[in-house]
C-alpha atoms as a PDB file:
ATOM      1  CA  UNK A   1     -10.071  16.266   5.259  1.00  0.00           C
ATOM      2  CA  UNK A   2      -9.901  19.608   7.911  1.00  0.00           C
ATOM      3  CA  UNK A   3      -6.391  20.016   9.449  1.00  0.00           C
ATOM      4  CA  UNK A   4      -6.367  19.230  13.164  1.00  0.00           C
ATOM      5  CA  UNK A   5      -5.610  23.182  13.719  1.00  0.00           C
ATOM      6  CA  UNK A   6      -8.515  24.291  11.524  1.00  0.00           C
ATOM      7  CA  UNK A   7     -10.692  22.184  13.557  1.00  0.00           C
ATOM      8  CA  UNK A   8      -9.345  23.311  16.916  1.00  0.00           C
ATOM      9  CA  UNK A   9      -9.593  27.122  15.743  1.00  0.00           C
ATOM     10  CA  UNK A  10     -12.898  26.825  14.894  1.00  0.00           C
ATOM     11  CA  UNK A  11     -13.789  25.387  17.984  1.00  0.00           C
ATOM     12  CA  UNK A  12     -11.845  27.906  19.800  1.00  0.00           C
ATOM     13  CA  UNK A  13     -13.747  30.758  18.132  1.00  0.00           C
ATOM     14  CA  UNK A  14     -16.765  29.744  19.867  1.00  0.00           C
ATOM     15  CA  UNK A  15     -15.577  28.193  23.165  1.00  0.00           C
ATOM     16  CA  UNK A  16     -12.695  30.312  24.063  1.00  0.00           C
ATOM     17  CA  UNK A  17     -12.351  31.098  28.024  1.00  0.00           C
ATOM     18  CA  UNK A  18     -12.617  34.497  29.153  1.00  0.00           C
ATOM     19  CA  UNK A  19      -9.566  35.469  31.007  1.00  0.00           C
ATOM     20  CA  UNK A  20      -8.313  38.714  32.099  1.00  0.00           C
ATOM     21  CA  UNK A  21      -4.954  38.704  30.434  1.00  0.00           C
ATOM     22  CA  UNK A  22      -6.131  37.659  27.169  1.00  0.00           C
ATOM     23  CA  UNK A  23      -6.955  40.302  24.745  1.00  0.00           C
ATOM     24  CA  UNK A  24     -10.637  41.069  23.901  1.00  0.00           C
ATOM     25  CA  UNK A  25     -11.802  41.179  20.241  1.00  0.00           C
ATOM     26  CA  UNK A  26     -10.255  43.427  18.118  1.00  0.00           C
ATOM     27  CA  UNK A  27      -7.527  44.606  20.942  1.00  0.00           C
ATOM     28  CA  UNK A  28      -4.062  44.198  20.503  1.00  0.00           C
ATOM     29  CA  UNK A  29      -2.322  41.833  22.750  1.00  0.00           C
ATOM     30  CA  UNK A  30      -0.101  43.276  25.562  1.00  0.00           C
ATOM     31  CA  UNK A  31       3.261  41.593  26.122  1.00  0.00           C
ATOM     32  CA  UNK A  32       3.530  42.413  29.919  1.00  0.00           C
ATOM     33  CA  UNK A  33      -0.110  40.772  30.523  1.00  0.00           C
ATOM     34  CA  UNK A  34       0.947  37.543  28.601  1.00  0.00           C
ATOM     35  CA  UNK A  35       4.159  37.688  30.498  1.00  0.00           C
ATOM     36  CA  UNK A  36       2.880  38.052  33.936  1.00  0.00           C
ATOM     37  CA  UNK A  37       0.191  35.873  33.629  1.00  0.00           C
ATOM     38  CA  UNK A  38       2.650  32.860  32.410  1.00  0.00           C
ATOM     39  CA  UNK A  39       4.829  33.549  35.198  1.00  0.00           C
ATOM     40  CA  UNK A  40       2.064  33.257  37.685  1.00  0.00           C
ATOM     41  CA  UNK A  41       0.392  30.225  36.032  1.00  0.00           C
ATOM     42  CA  UNK A  42       3.463  28.068  36.380  1.00  0.00           C
ATOM     43  CA  UNK A  43       2.486  25.229  38.680  1.00  0.00           C
ATOM     44  CA  UNK A  44      -0.794  27.397  39.515  1.00  0.00           C
ATOM     45  CA  UNK A  45      -4.251  27.094  38.843  1.00  0.00           C
ATOM     46  CA  UNK A  46      -6.322  29.693  36.701  1.00  0.00           C
ATOM     47  CA  UNK A  47      -8.552  30.067  39.766  1.00  0.00           C
ATOM     48  CA  UNK A  48      -5.638  30.861  42.161  1.00  0.00           C
ATOM     49  CA  UNK A  49      -4.187  33.488  39.737  1.00  0.00           C
ATOM     50  CA  UNK A  50      -7.040  35.543  38.630  1.00  0.00           C
ATOM     51  CA  UNK A  51      -7.246  37.709  41.483  1.00  0.00           C
ATOM     52  CA  UNK A  52      -3.459  37.975  41.801  1.00  0.00           C
ATOM     53  CA  UNK A  53      -2.837  39.089  38.188  1.00  0.00           C
ATOM     54  CA  UNK A  54      -5.851  41.684  38.665  1.00  0.00           C
ATOM     55  CA  UNK A  55      -4.277  43.125  41.619  1.00  0.00           C
ATOM     56  CA  UNK A  56      -0.722  43.369  40.114  1.00  0.00           C
ATOM     57  CA  UNK A  57      -2.351  45.219  37.348  1.00  0.00           C
ATOM     58  CA  UNK A  58      -3.802  47.957  39.553  1.00  0.00           C
ATOM     59  CA  UNK A  59      -0.630  48.196  41.841  1.00  0.00           C
ATOM     60  CA  UNK A  60       2.074  48.090  38.377  1.00  0.00           C
ATOM     61  CA  UNK A  61      -0.069  48.921  35.425  1.00  0.00           C
ATOM     62  CA  UNK A  62       3.583  48.207  33.223  1.00  0.00           C
ATOM     63  CA  UNK A  63       6.546  46.579  33.333  1.00  0.00           C
ATOM     64  CA  UNK A  64       8.273  49.778  34.213  1.00  0.00           C
ATOM     65  CA  UNK A  65       6.083  50.227  36.995  1.00  0.00           C
ATOM     66  CA  UNK A  66       6.843  46.912  38.072  1.00  0.00           C
ATOM     67  CA  UNK A  67      10.583  47.324  37.759  1.00  0.00           C
ATOM     68  CA  UNK A  68      10.390  50.381  40.120  1.00  0.00           C
ATOM     69  CA  UNK A  69       8.968  48.904  42.682  1.00  0.00           C
ATOM     70  CA  UNK A  70      10.832  47.303  45.911  1.00  0.00           C
ATOM     71  CA  UNK A  71      11.456  43.762  45.406  1.00  0.00           C
ATOM     72  CA  UNK A  72      10.030  43.392  48.962  1.00  0.00           C
ATOM     73  CA  UNK A  73       6.945  44.836  47.711  1.00  0.00           C
ATOM     74  CA  UNK A  74       6.397  42.208  44.997  1.00  0.00           C
ATOM     75  CA  UNK A  75       7.015  39.279  47.326  1.00  0.00           C
ATOM     76  CA  UNK A  76       4.476  40.637  50.004  1.00  0.00           C
ATOM     77  CA  UNK A  77       1.892  41.155  47.262  1.00  0.00           C
ATOM     78  CA  UNK A  78       3.039  37.523  45.857  1.00  0.00           C
ATOM     79  CA  UNK A  79       2.386  35.807  49.257  1.00  0.00           C
ATOM     80  CA  UNK A  80      -0.011  32.945  49.120  1.00  0.00           C
ATOM     81  CA  UNK A  81       0.948  32.286  45.492  1.00  0.00           C
ATOM     82  CA  UNK A  82       3.930  29.806  46.527  1.00  0.00           C
ATOM     83  CA  UNK A  83       7.257  29.205  44.322  1.00  0.00           C
ATOM     84  CA  UNK A  84       8.763  32.563  45.444  1.00  0.00           C
ATOM     85  CA  UNK A  85      11.825  32.293  43.119  1.00  0.00           C
ATOM     86  CA  UNK A  86       9.263  33.170  40.752  1.00  0.00           C
ATOM     87  CA  UNK A  87       8.277  36.482  42.268  1.00  0.00           C
ATOM     88  CA  UNK A  88      12.225  37.410  42.774  1.00  0.00           C
ATOM     89  CA  UNK A  89      12.693  36.403  38.772  1.00  0.00           C
ATOM     90  CA  UNK A  90       9.703  38.313  37.819  1.00  0.00           C
ATOM     91  CA  UNK A  91      11.248  41.592  39.278  1.00  0.00           C
ATOM     92  CA  UNK A  92      14.667  40.965  37.948  1.00  0.00           C
ATOM     93  CA  UNK A  93      13.398  40.521  34.371  1.00  0.00           C
ATOM     94  CA  UNK A  94      11.181  43.639  34.914  1.00  0.00           C
ATOM     95  CA  UNK A  95      14.447  45.448  35.662  1.00  0.00           C
ATOM     96  CA  UNK A  96      16.000  44.240  32.523  1.00  0.00           C
ATOM     97  CA  UNK A  97      13.476  44.869  30.298  1.00  0.00           C
ATOM     98  CA  UNK A  98      12.906  48.219  31.558  1.00  0.00           C
ATOM     99  CA  UNK A  99      16.327  49.375  31.896  1.00  0.00           C
ATOM    100  CA  UNK A 100      18.279  47.385  29.193  1.00  0.00           C
ATOM    101  CA  UNK A 101      15.576  46.971  26.391  1.00  0.00           C
ATOM    102  CA  UNK A 102      13.718  50.384  26.705  1.00  0.00           C
ATOM    103  CA  UNK A 103      10.573  48.595  27.997  1.00  0.00           C
ATOM    104  CA  UNK A 104      10.186  46.160  24.979  1.00  0.00           C
ATOM    105  CA  UNK A 105       9.786  42.752  25.173  1.00  0.00           C
ATOM    106  CA  UNK A 106      11.954  40.520  22.861  1.00  0.00           C
ATOM    107  CA  UNK A 107       9.737  38.911  20.192  1.00  0.00           C
ATOM    108  CA  UNK A 108      11.295  35.492  19.950  1.00  0.00           C
ATOM    109  CA  UNK A 109      11.470  32.619  22.048  1.00  0.00           C
ATOM    110  CA  UNK A 110      15.184  32.377  21.269  1.00  0.00           C
ATOM    111  CA  UNK A 111      15.523  35.667  22.788  1.00  0.00           C
ATOM    112  CA  UNK A 112      12.835  35.542  25.713  1.00  0.00           C
ATOM    113  CA  UNK A 113      14.535  32.626  27.315  1.00  0.00           C
ATOM    114  CA  UNK A 114      17.477  34.456  27.804  1.00  0.00           C
ATOM    115  CA  UNK A 115      15.643  36.642  30.335  1.00  0.00           C
ATOM    116  CA  UNK A 116      15.250  35.823  34.241  1.00  0.00           C
ATOM    117  CA  UNK A 117      12.497  33.374  35.298  1.00  0.00           C
ATOM    118  CA  UNK A 118      11.679  32.362  31.787  1.00  0.00           C
ATOM    119  CA  UNK A 119      12.035  28.833  30.473  1.00  0.00           C
ATOM    120  CA  UNK A 120      10.922  27.083  27.555  1.00  0.00           C
ATOM    121  CA  UNK A 121       7.336  26.725  27.489  1.00  0.00           C
ATOM    122  CA  UNK A 122       6.978  30.272  28.984  1.00  0.00           C
ATOM    123  CA  UNK A 123       9.356  31.824  26.233  1.00  0.00           C
ATOM    124  CA  UNK A 124       7.073  29.711  23.572  1.00  0.00           C
ATOM    125  CA  UNK A 125       3.768  31.139  25.072  1.00  0.00           C
ATOM    126  CA  UNK A 126       4.962  34.670  25.372  1.00  0.00           C
ATOM    127  CA  UNK A 127       6.558  34.488  21.559  1.00  0.00           C
ATOM    128  CA  UNK A 128       3.158  32.672  20.145  1.00  0.00           C
ATOM    129  CA  UNK A 129       0.395  34.445  22.065  1.00  0.00           C
ATOM    130  CA  UNK A 130       1.974  38.164  22.136  1.00  0.00           C
ATOM    131  CA  UNK A 131       4.123  38.012  18.926  1.00  0.00           C
ATOM    132  CA  UNK A 132       2.631  35.398  16.447  1.00  0.00           C
ATOM    133  CA  UNK A 133       5.561  33.422  16.191  1.00  0.00           C
ATOM    134  CA  UNK A 134       4.837  29.661  15.127  1.00  0.00           C
ATOM    135  CA  UNK A 135       6.552  27.853  17.946  1.00  0.00           C
ATOM    136  CA  UNK A 136       5.804  24.841  19.989  1.00  0.00           C
ATOM    137  CA  UNK A 137       3.976  25.631  22.930  1.00  0.00           C
ATOM    138  CA  UNK A 138       3.805  22.753  25.154  1.00  0.00           C
ATOM    139  CA  UNK A 139       2.125  22.800  29.138  1.00  0.00           C
ATOM    140  CA  UNK A 140       0.442  19.832  31.161  1.00  0.00           C
ATOM    141  CA  UNK A 141      -2.841  20.449  29.356  1.00  0.00           C
ATOM    142  CA  UNK A 142      -1.405  19.914  25.813  1.00  0.00           C
ATOM    143  CA  UNK A 143       0.774  17.056  27.035  1.00  0.00           C
ATOM    144  CA  UNK A 144      -2.014  15.203  27.596  1.00  0.00           C
ATOM    145  CA  UNK A 145      -4.205  16.076  24.632  1.00  0.00           C
ATOM    146  CA  UNK A 146      -1.025  15.132  22.423  1.00  0.00           C
ATOM    147  CA  UNK A 147      -0.182  11.763  24.334  1.00  0.00           C
ATOM    148  CA  UNK A 148      -3.902  10.975  23.415  1.00  0.00           C
ATOM    149  CA  UNK A 149      -4.231  11.968  20.141  1.00  0.00           C
ATOM    150  CA  UNK A 150      -1.215   9.440  19.305  1.00  0.00           C
ATOM    151  CA  UNK A 151      -1.658   7.063  22.245  1.00  0.00           C
ATOM    152  CA  UNK A 152       2.009   7.751  23.093  1.00  0.00           C
ATOM    153  CA  UNK A 153       3.481   4.998  25.153  1.00  0.00           C
ATOM    154  CA  UNK A 154       6.383   6.534  26.305  1.00  0.00           C
ATOM    155  CA  UNK A 155       6.103   7.819  30.023  1.00  0.00           C
ATOM    156  CA  UNK A 156       6.477  11.351  30.861  1.00  0.00           C
ATOM    157  CA  UNK A 157       8.873  12.940  31.217  1.00  0.00           C
ATOM    158  CA  UNK A 158      10.593  10.916  28.748  1.00  0.00           C
ATOM    159  CA  UNK A 159       7.539  11.615  26.491  1.00  0.00           C
ATOM    160  CA  UNK A 160       8.134  15.525  26.504  1.00  0.00           C
ATOM    161  CA  UNK A 161      10.605  15.462  23.571  1.00  0.00           C
ATOM    162  CA  UNK A 162       8.064  13.632  21.121  1.00  0.00           C
ATOM    163  CA  UNK A 163       5.285  15.345  22.225  1.00  0.00           C
ATOM    164  CA  UNK A 164       7.325  18.993  21.236  1.00  0.00           C
ATOM    165  CA  UNK A 165       7.640  17.514  17.907  1.00  0.00           C
ATOM    166  CA  UNK A 166       4.193  16.559  17.269  1.00  0.00           C
ATOM    167  CA  UNK A 167       2.867  20.089  18.531  1.00  0.00           C
ATOM    168  CA  UNK A 168       5.679  21.746  16.303  1.00  0.00           C
ATOM    169  CA  UNK A 169       3.972  20.200  13.088  1.00  0.00           C
ATOM    170  CA  UNK A 170       0.203  20.955  14.090  1.00  0.00           C
ATOM    171  CA  UNK A 171       1.161  24.510  15.273  1.00  0.00           C
ATOM    172  CA  UNK A 172      -0.167  26.773  12.210  1.00  0.00           C
ATOM    173  CA  UNK A 173       1.709  29.657  10.690  1.00  0.00           C
ATOM    174  CA  UNK A 174      -1.595  31.431  10.881  1.00  0.00           C
ATOM    175  CA  UNK A 175      -2.725  32.350  14.490  1.00  0.00           C
ATOM    176  CA  UNK A 176      -0.392  30.444  16.336  1.00  0.00           C
ATOM    177  CA  UNK A 177      -1.026  32.063  19.655  1.00  0.00           C
ATOM    178  CA  UNK A 178      -4.755  31.236  19.290  1.00  0.00           C
ATOM    179  CA  UNK A 179      -3.645  27.850  18.559  1.00  0.00           C
ATOM    180  CA  UNK A 180      -1.489  27.553  21.748  1.00  0.00           C
ATOM    181  CA  UNK A 181      -4.486  28.903  23.842  1.00  0.00           C
ATOM    182  CA  UNK A 182      -7.052  26.783  22.305  1.00  0.00           C
ATOM    183  CA  UNK A 183      -5.019  23.336  23.247  1.00  0.00           C
ATOM    184  CA  UNK A 184      -4.867  25.104  26.509  1.00  0.00           C
ATOM    185  CA  UNK A 185      -8.666  25.635  26.774  1.00  0.00           C
ATOM    186  CA  UNK A 186      -9.153  22.090  25.241  1.00  0.00           C
ATOM    187  CA  UNK A 187      -7.230  20.344  28.067  1.00  0.00           C
ATOM    188  CA  UNK A 188      -9.006  22.384  30.820  1.00  0.00           C
ATOM    189  CA  UNK A 189     -12.320  22.100  29.770  1.00  0.00           C
ATOM    190  CA  UNK A 190     -12.802  18.997  27.548  1.00  0.00           C
ATOM    191  CA  UNK A 191      -9.783  16.454  27.588  1.00  0.00           C
ATOM    192  CA  UNK A 192      -9.555  16.443  31.277  1.00  0.00           C
ATOM    193  CA  UNK A 193      -7.449  14.112  33.226  1.00  0.00           C
ATOM    194  CA  UNK A 194     -10.671  12.025  34.431  1.00  0.00           C
ATOM    195  CA  UNK A 195     -13.715  11.481  32.407  1.00  0.00           C
ATOM    196  CA  UNK A 196     -12.727  13.469  29.441  1.00  0.00           C
ATOM    197  CA  UNK A 197     -16.068  14.931  27.456  1.00  0.00           C
ATOM    198  CA  UNK A 198     -14.699  13.308  24.238  1.00  0.00           C
ATOM    199  CA  UNK A 199     -18.245  14.172  22.400  1.00  0.00           C
ATOM    200  CA  UNK A 200     -17.420  17.642  22.609  1.00  0.00           C
ATOM    201  CA  UNK A 201     -14.110  17.629  21.686  1.00  0.00           C
ATOM    202  CA  UNK A 202     -13.325  19.218  17.873  1.00  0.00           C
ATOM    203  CA  UNK A 203     -10.596  16.753  17.245  1.00  0.00           C
ATOM    204  CA  UNK A 204     -11.929  13.474  18.598  1.00  0.00           C
ATOM    205  CA  UNK A 205     -11.993  11.935  14.742  1.00  0.00           C
ATOM    206  CA  UNK A 206      -8.359  12.144  14.767  1.00  0.00           C
ATOM    207  CA  UNK A 207      -7.721  10.989  18.280  1.00  0.00           C
ATOM    208  CA  UNK A 208      -6.097   7.437  18.630  1.00  0.00           C
ATOM    209  CA  UNK A 209      -6.987   7.065  22.704  1.00  0.00           C
ATOM    210  CA  UNK A 210     -10.716   8.005  21.664  1.00  0.00           C
ATOM    211  CA  UNK A 211     -10.786   5.296  19.063  1.00  0.00           C
ATOM    212  CA  UNK A 212      -9.375   2.946  21.423  1.00  0.00           C
ATOM    213  CA  UNK A 213     -11.511   3.616  24.314  1.00  0.00           C
ATOM    214  CA  UNK A 214      -8.487   4.444  26.935  1.00  0.00           C
ATOM    215  CA  UNK A 215      -8.338   7.906  27.076  1.00  0.00           C
ATOM    216  CA  UNK A 216      -7.594   7.974  30.750  1.00  0.00           C
ATOM    217  CA  UNK A 217      -4.424   5.886  30.133  1.00  0.00           C
ATOM    218  CA  UNK A 218      -2.679   8.848  28.818  1.00  0.00           C
ATOM    219  CA  UNK A 219      -0.338  10.392  29.290  1.00  0.00           C
ATOM    220  CA  UNK A 220       1.363   7.550  30.832  1.00  0.00           C
ATOM    221  CA  UNK A 221       3.550   8.687  33.926  1.00  0.00           C
ATOM    222  CA  UNK A 222       6.525   7.198  35.596  1.00  0.00           C
ATOM    223  CA  UNK A 223       5.836   6.345  39.236  1.00  0.00           C
ATOM    224  CA  UNK A 224       6.384   9.219  41.746  1.00  0.00           C
ATOM    225  CA  UNK A 225       8.783   8.596  44.298  1.00  0.00           C
ATOM    226  CA  UNK A 226       7.694   9.430  48.075  1.00  0.00           C
ATOM    227  CA  UNK A 227       7.845  12.622  49.313  1.00  0.00           C
ATOM    228  CA  UNK A 228       9.682  12.992  52.652  1.00  0.00           C
ATOM    229  CA  UNK A 229       8.856  14.485  55.786  1.00  0.00           C
ATOM    230  CA  UNK A 230      10.812  17.207  57.438  1.00  0.00           C
ATOM    231  CA  UNK A 231      10.266  18.107  60.730  1.00  0.00           C
ATOM    232  CA  UNK A 232      11.046  21.226  62.684  1.00  0.00           C
ATOM    233  CA  UNK A 233      10.060  23.946  65.687  1.00  0.00           C
ATOM    234  CA  UNK A 234       9.336  27.513  64.617  1.00  0.00           C
ATOM    235  CA  UNK A 235       9.576  30.294  67.638  1.00  0.00           C
ATOM    236  CA  UNK A 236       7.144  33.086  68.416  1.00  0.00           C
ATOM    237  CA  UNK A 237       8.726  35.658  70.359  1.00  0.00           C
ATOM    238  CA  UNK A 238       6.311  38.661  71.568  1.00  0.00           C
ATOM    239  CA  UNK A 239       7.358  41.768  73.229  1.00  0.00           C
ATOM    240  CA  UNK A 240       4.898  44.871  74.016  1.00  0.00           C
ATOM    241  CA  UNK A 241       2.405  43.464  71.058  1.00  0.00           C
ATOM    242  CA  UNK A 242       5.166  42.905  68.382  1.00  0.00           C
ATOM    243  CA  UNK A 243       6.587  39.731  67.072  1.00  0.00           C
ATOM    244  CA  UNK A 244      10.087  38.759  66.252  1.00  0.00           C
ATOM    245  CA  UNK A 245      10.179  37.842  62.524  1.00  0.00           C
ATOM    246  CA  UNK A 246      12.980  36.713  60.306  1.00  0.00           C
ATOM    247  CA  UNK A 247      13.817  37.932  56.704  1.00  0.00           C
ATOM    248  CA  UNK A 248      14.838  34.900  55.072  1.00  0.00           C
ATOM    249  CA  UNK A 249      18.019  34.608  52.614  1.00  0.00           C
ATOM    250  CA  UNK A 250      17.624  36.420  49.222  1.00  0.00           C
ATOM    251  CA  UNK A 251      18.415  33.047  47.511  1.00  0.00           C
ATOM    252  CA  UNK A 252      16.970  29.693  48.483  1.00  0.00           C
ATOM    253  CA  UNK A 253      13.488  28.338  49.391  1.00  0.00           C
ATOM    254  CA  UNK A 254      11.191  31.107  50.239  1.00  0.00           C
ATOM    255  CA  UNK A 255      13.822  33.657  49.689  1.00  0.00           C
ATOM    256  CA  UNK A 256      13.374  37.161  50.626  1.00  0.00           C
ATOM    257  CA  UNK A 257      10.000  36.165  52.533  1.00  0.00           C
ATOM    258  CA  UNK A 258       9.265  36.892  56.235  1.00  0.00           C
ATOM    259  CA  UNK A 259       8.843  33.951  58.496  1.00  0.00           C
ATOM    260  CA  UNK A 260       9.496  32.664  61.879  1.00  0.00           C
ATOM    261  CA  UNK A 261      13.089  31.679  63.119  1.00  0.00           C
ATOM    262  CA  UNK A 262      12.926  27.864  63.108  1.00  0.00           C
ATOM    263  CA  UNK A 263      15.166  24.575  63.757  1.00  0.00           C
ATOM    264  CA  UNK A 264      16.496  23.467  60.515  1.00  0.00           C
ATOM    265  CA  UNK A 265      13.885  21.626  58.522  1.00  0.00           C
ATOM    266  CA  UNK A 266      15.131  18.058  58.614  1.00  0.00           C
ATOM    267  CA  UNK A 267      14.145  14.379  57.889  1.00  0.00           C
ATOM    268  CA  UNK A 268      13.465  12.979  61.364  1.00  0.00           C
ATOM    269  CA  UNK A 269      11.198  10.556  62.977  1.00  0.00           C
ATOM    270  CA  UNK A 270       9.692  13.152  65.332  1.00  0.00           C
ATOM    271  CA  UNK A 271       9.308  16.670  66.441  1.00  0.00           C
ATOM    272  CA  UNK A 272      12.818  17.990  67.657  1.00  0.00           C
ATOM    273  CA  UNK A 273      12.631  18.089  71.434  1.00  0.00           C
ATOM    274  CA  UNK A 274      13.577  20.836  73.987  1.00  0.00           C
ATOM    275  CA  UNK A 275      17.564  20.112  74.040  1.00  0.00           C
ATOM    276  CA  UNK A 276      17.817  20.077  70.356  1.00  0.00           C
ATOM    277  CA  UNK A 277      15.314  22.886  69.262  1.00  0.00           C
ATOM    278  CA  UNK A 278      16.950  25.208  72.045  1.00  0.00           C
ATOM    279  CA  UNK A 279      20.115  25.417  70.129  1.00  0.00           C
ATOM    280  CA  UNK A 280      18.613  27.107  67.216  1.00  0.00           C
ATOM    281  CA  UNK A 281      16.292  29.524  69.143  1.00  0.00           C
ATOM    282  CA  UNK A 282      16.700  33.421  68.487  1.00  0.00           C
ATOM    283  CA  UNK A 283      17.283  33.999  72.250  1.00  0.00           C
ATOM    284  CA  UNK A 284      17.202  32.016  75.531  1.00  0.00           C
ATOM    285  CA  UNK A 285      13.822  32.348  77.060  1.00  0.00           C
ATOM    286  CA  UNK A 286      10.926  30.282  78.603  1.00  0.00           C
ATOM    287  CA  UNK A 287       9.918  28.306  75.703  1.00  0.00           C
ATOM    288  CA  UNK A 288       6.416  26.694  75.963  1.00  0.00           C
ATOM    289  CA  UNK A 289       4.686  24.603  73.246  1.00  0.00           C
ATOM    290  CA  UNK A 290       1.524  25.397  71.616  1.00  0.00           C
ATOM    291  CA  UNK A 291      -0.973  22.432  70.632  1.00  0.00           C
ATOM    292  CA  UNK A 292      -1.074  21.195  67.120  1.00  0.00           C
ATOM    293  CA  UNK A 293       1.559  20.244  64.484  1.00  0.00           C
ATOM    294  CA  UNK A 294       1.261  22.671  61.371  1.00  0.00           C
ATOM    295  CA  UNK A 295       1.814  20.659  58.199  1.00  0.00           C
ATOM    296  CA  UNK A 296       2.772  21.901  54.718  1.00  0.00           C
ATOM    297  CA  UNK A 297       3.721  20.100  51.438  1.00  0.00           C
ATOM    298  CA  UNK A 298       6.355  21.511  49.202  1.00  0.00           C
ATOM    299  CA  UNK A 299       7.255  20.359  45.721  1.00  0.00           C
ATOM    300  CA  UNK A 300       9.722  17.807  47.270  1.00  0.00           C
ATOM    301  CA  UNK A 301       8.629  17.265  50.763  1.00  0.00           C
ATOM    302  CA  UNK A 302       6.376  17.617  53.400  1.00  0.00           C
ATOM    303  CA  UNK A 303       6.924  19.752  56.464  1.00  0.00           C
ATOM    304  CA  UNK A 304       5.773  19.258  59.900  1.00  0.00           C
ATOM    305  CA  UNK A 305       6.417  21.920  62.476  1.00  0.00           C
ATOM    306  CA  UNK A 306       5.374  22.484  66.112  1.00  0.00           C
ATOM    307  CA  UNK A 307       4.992  26.255  67.315  1.00  0.00           C
ATOM    308  CA  UNK A 308       7.150  27.177  70.773  1.00  0.00           C
ATOM    309  CA  UNK A 309       6.099  30.634  72.575  1.00  0.00           C
ATOM    310  CA  UNK A 310       7.650  33.093  74.913  1.00  0.00           C
ATOM    311  CA  UNK A 311       7.573  36.679  76.092  1.00  0.00           C
ATOM    312  CA  UNK A 312      10.557  38.866  75.920  1.00  0.00           C
ATOM    313  CA  UNK A 313      11.119  41.539  78.377  1.00  0.00           C
ATOM    314  CA  UNK A 314      13.045  44.102  75.652  1.00  0.00           C
ATOM    315  CA  UNK A 315      13.061  44.377  71.829  1.00  0.00           C
ATOM    316  CA  UNK A 316      15.950  42.546  71.105  1.00  0.00           C
ATOM    317  CA  UNK A 317      18.231  43.111  68.081  1.00  0.00           C
ATOM    318  CA  UNK A 318      18.690  39.702  66.462  1.00  0.00           C
ATOM    319  CA  UNK A 319      20.383  39.016  62.964  1.00  0.00           C
ATOM    320  CA  UNK A 320      18.284  38.723  59.877  1.00  0.00           C
ATOM    321  CA  UNK A 321      15.273  39.861  62.441  1.00  0.00           C
ATOM    322  CA  UNK A 322      12.564  42.427  62.810  1.00  0.00           C
ATOM    323  CA  UNK A 323       9.851  43.102  64.861  1.00  0.00           C
ATOM    324  CA  UNK A 324       6.408  43.327  63.304  1.00  0.00           C
ATOM    325  CA  UNK A 325       2.922  44.242  65.345  1.00  0.00           C
ATOM    326  CA  UNK A 326       1.041  41.001  66.040  1.00  0.00           C
ATOM    327  CA  UNK A 327      -2.270  42.663  64.972  1.00  0.00           C
ATOM    328  CA  UNK A 328      -0.874  43.554  61.567  1.00  0.00           C
ATOM    329  CA  UNK A 329       0.684  39.995  60.835  1.00  0.00           C
ATOM    330  CA  UNK A 330      -2.014  39.005  58.279  1.00  0.00           C
ATOM    331  CA  UNK A 331      -0.912  42.174  56.323  1.00  0.00           C
ATOM    332  CA  UNK A 332       2.598  41.427  55.932  1.00  0.00           C
ATOM    333  CA  UNK A 333       2.523  38.651  53.347  1.00  0.00           C
ATOM    334  CA  UNK A 334       3.516  35.481  55.047  1.00  0.00           C
ATOM    335  CA  UNK A 335       3.982  32.388  52.740  1.00  0.00           C
ATOM    336  CA  UNK A 336       1.503  29.698  53.384  1.00  0.00           C
ATOM    337  CA  UNK A 337       3.736  27.568  55.230  1.00  0.00           C
ATOM    338  CA  UNK A 338       4.181  30.426  58.048  1.00  0.00           C
ATOM    339  CA  UNK A 339       0.313  31.554  58.076  1.00  0.00           C
ATOM    340  CA  UNK A 340      -0.433  27.841  59.000  1.00  0.00           C
ATOM    341  CA  UNK A 341       2.458  27.764  61.484  1.00  0.00           C
ATOM    342  CA  UNK A 342       1.217  31.318  63.072  1.00  0.00           C
ATOM    343  CA  UNK A 343      -2.405  29.701  63.397  1.00  0.00           C
ATOM    344  CA  UNK A 344      -1.038  27.182  65.941  1.00  0.00           C
ATOM    345  CA  UNK A 345      -0.879  30.684  68.291  1.00  0.00           C
ATOM    346  CA  UNK A 346      -4.975  30.558  68.475  1.00  0.00           C
ATOM    347  CA  UNK A 347      -4.841  27.071  70.121  1.00  0.00           C
ATOM    348  CA  UNK A 348      -3.113  28.264  73.235  1.00  0.00           C
ATOM    349  CA  UNK A 349      -0.786  25.927  75.317  1.00  0.00           C
END
């Protein structure tokens, strides 16, 4: 009987996706490309990542180039990709690899995981794909495949440990990186969450869920908690064609990114009214509300924001604030949440 890994690799040799971070046939794998793509792909789709990956390689073709770049430049080019702590850790990691490791990535998952921004999955993926270490690589696609192969009844996330044990046993000593990428491709193109194409699956014969015809039941997931909604007011202060922006603190949500001064993002029944939000305005002014509400969803909460606008008679110096041309606002790299808020300005009052 042909082993699971052998069946999968035969399929992969014929159906592997062509992705910009994968090495072409006969070419050596670049650890920098693997690392960069895996950081970008955390909680983000291949479609969204592709253009960012290609842009980063043009700007910073090696880990040394990335380490030498100002972190603000990296954050600006990351804008729109979300989860900005990844960008800050990306820069920190590049600095460590360049200045303490001579530009060489560690080759073992146990060493990679010690670097900034690299967790268990990312360390395993880099070690497997870039350096051929036979280590279990488990992402969401792979969890789904294994949960169906063995009809694992334990809900996620509690099932993660058992799934990793199965993947460890299945991962071959030969071509472990190709095996990991084959599993990712199988989950992305065949073993999909809805309507899996089992007839095209190279490991259908060993799949317990396929035999029971209940594939979509797996993986079983624990009920999600309802996300709370936070509400706030953001301030658009303009002077002589420039807008006052805030540089957010280095740590925390959207750390180091540009944005609007805002009232605190709090769970409350309605948007803060004037007496409340004026306590948080960057300056006293004749603030006027714009039409509409900007809505954005973060990992753990929803945010609803109203924009209020005012003109300033002079360019004020505000702590953590800086002035930027309104005409160049799109080019500064606003996070998506602030880009949505900026769009309210076009709705007028």
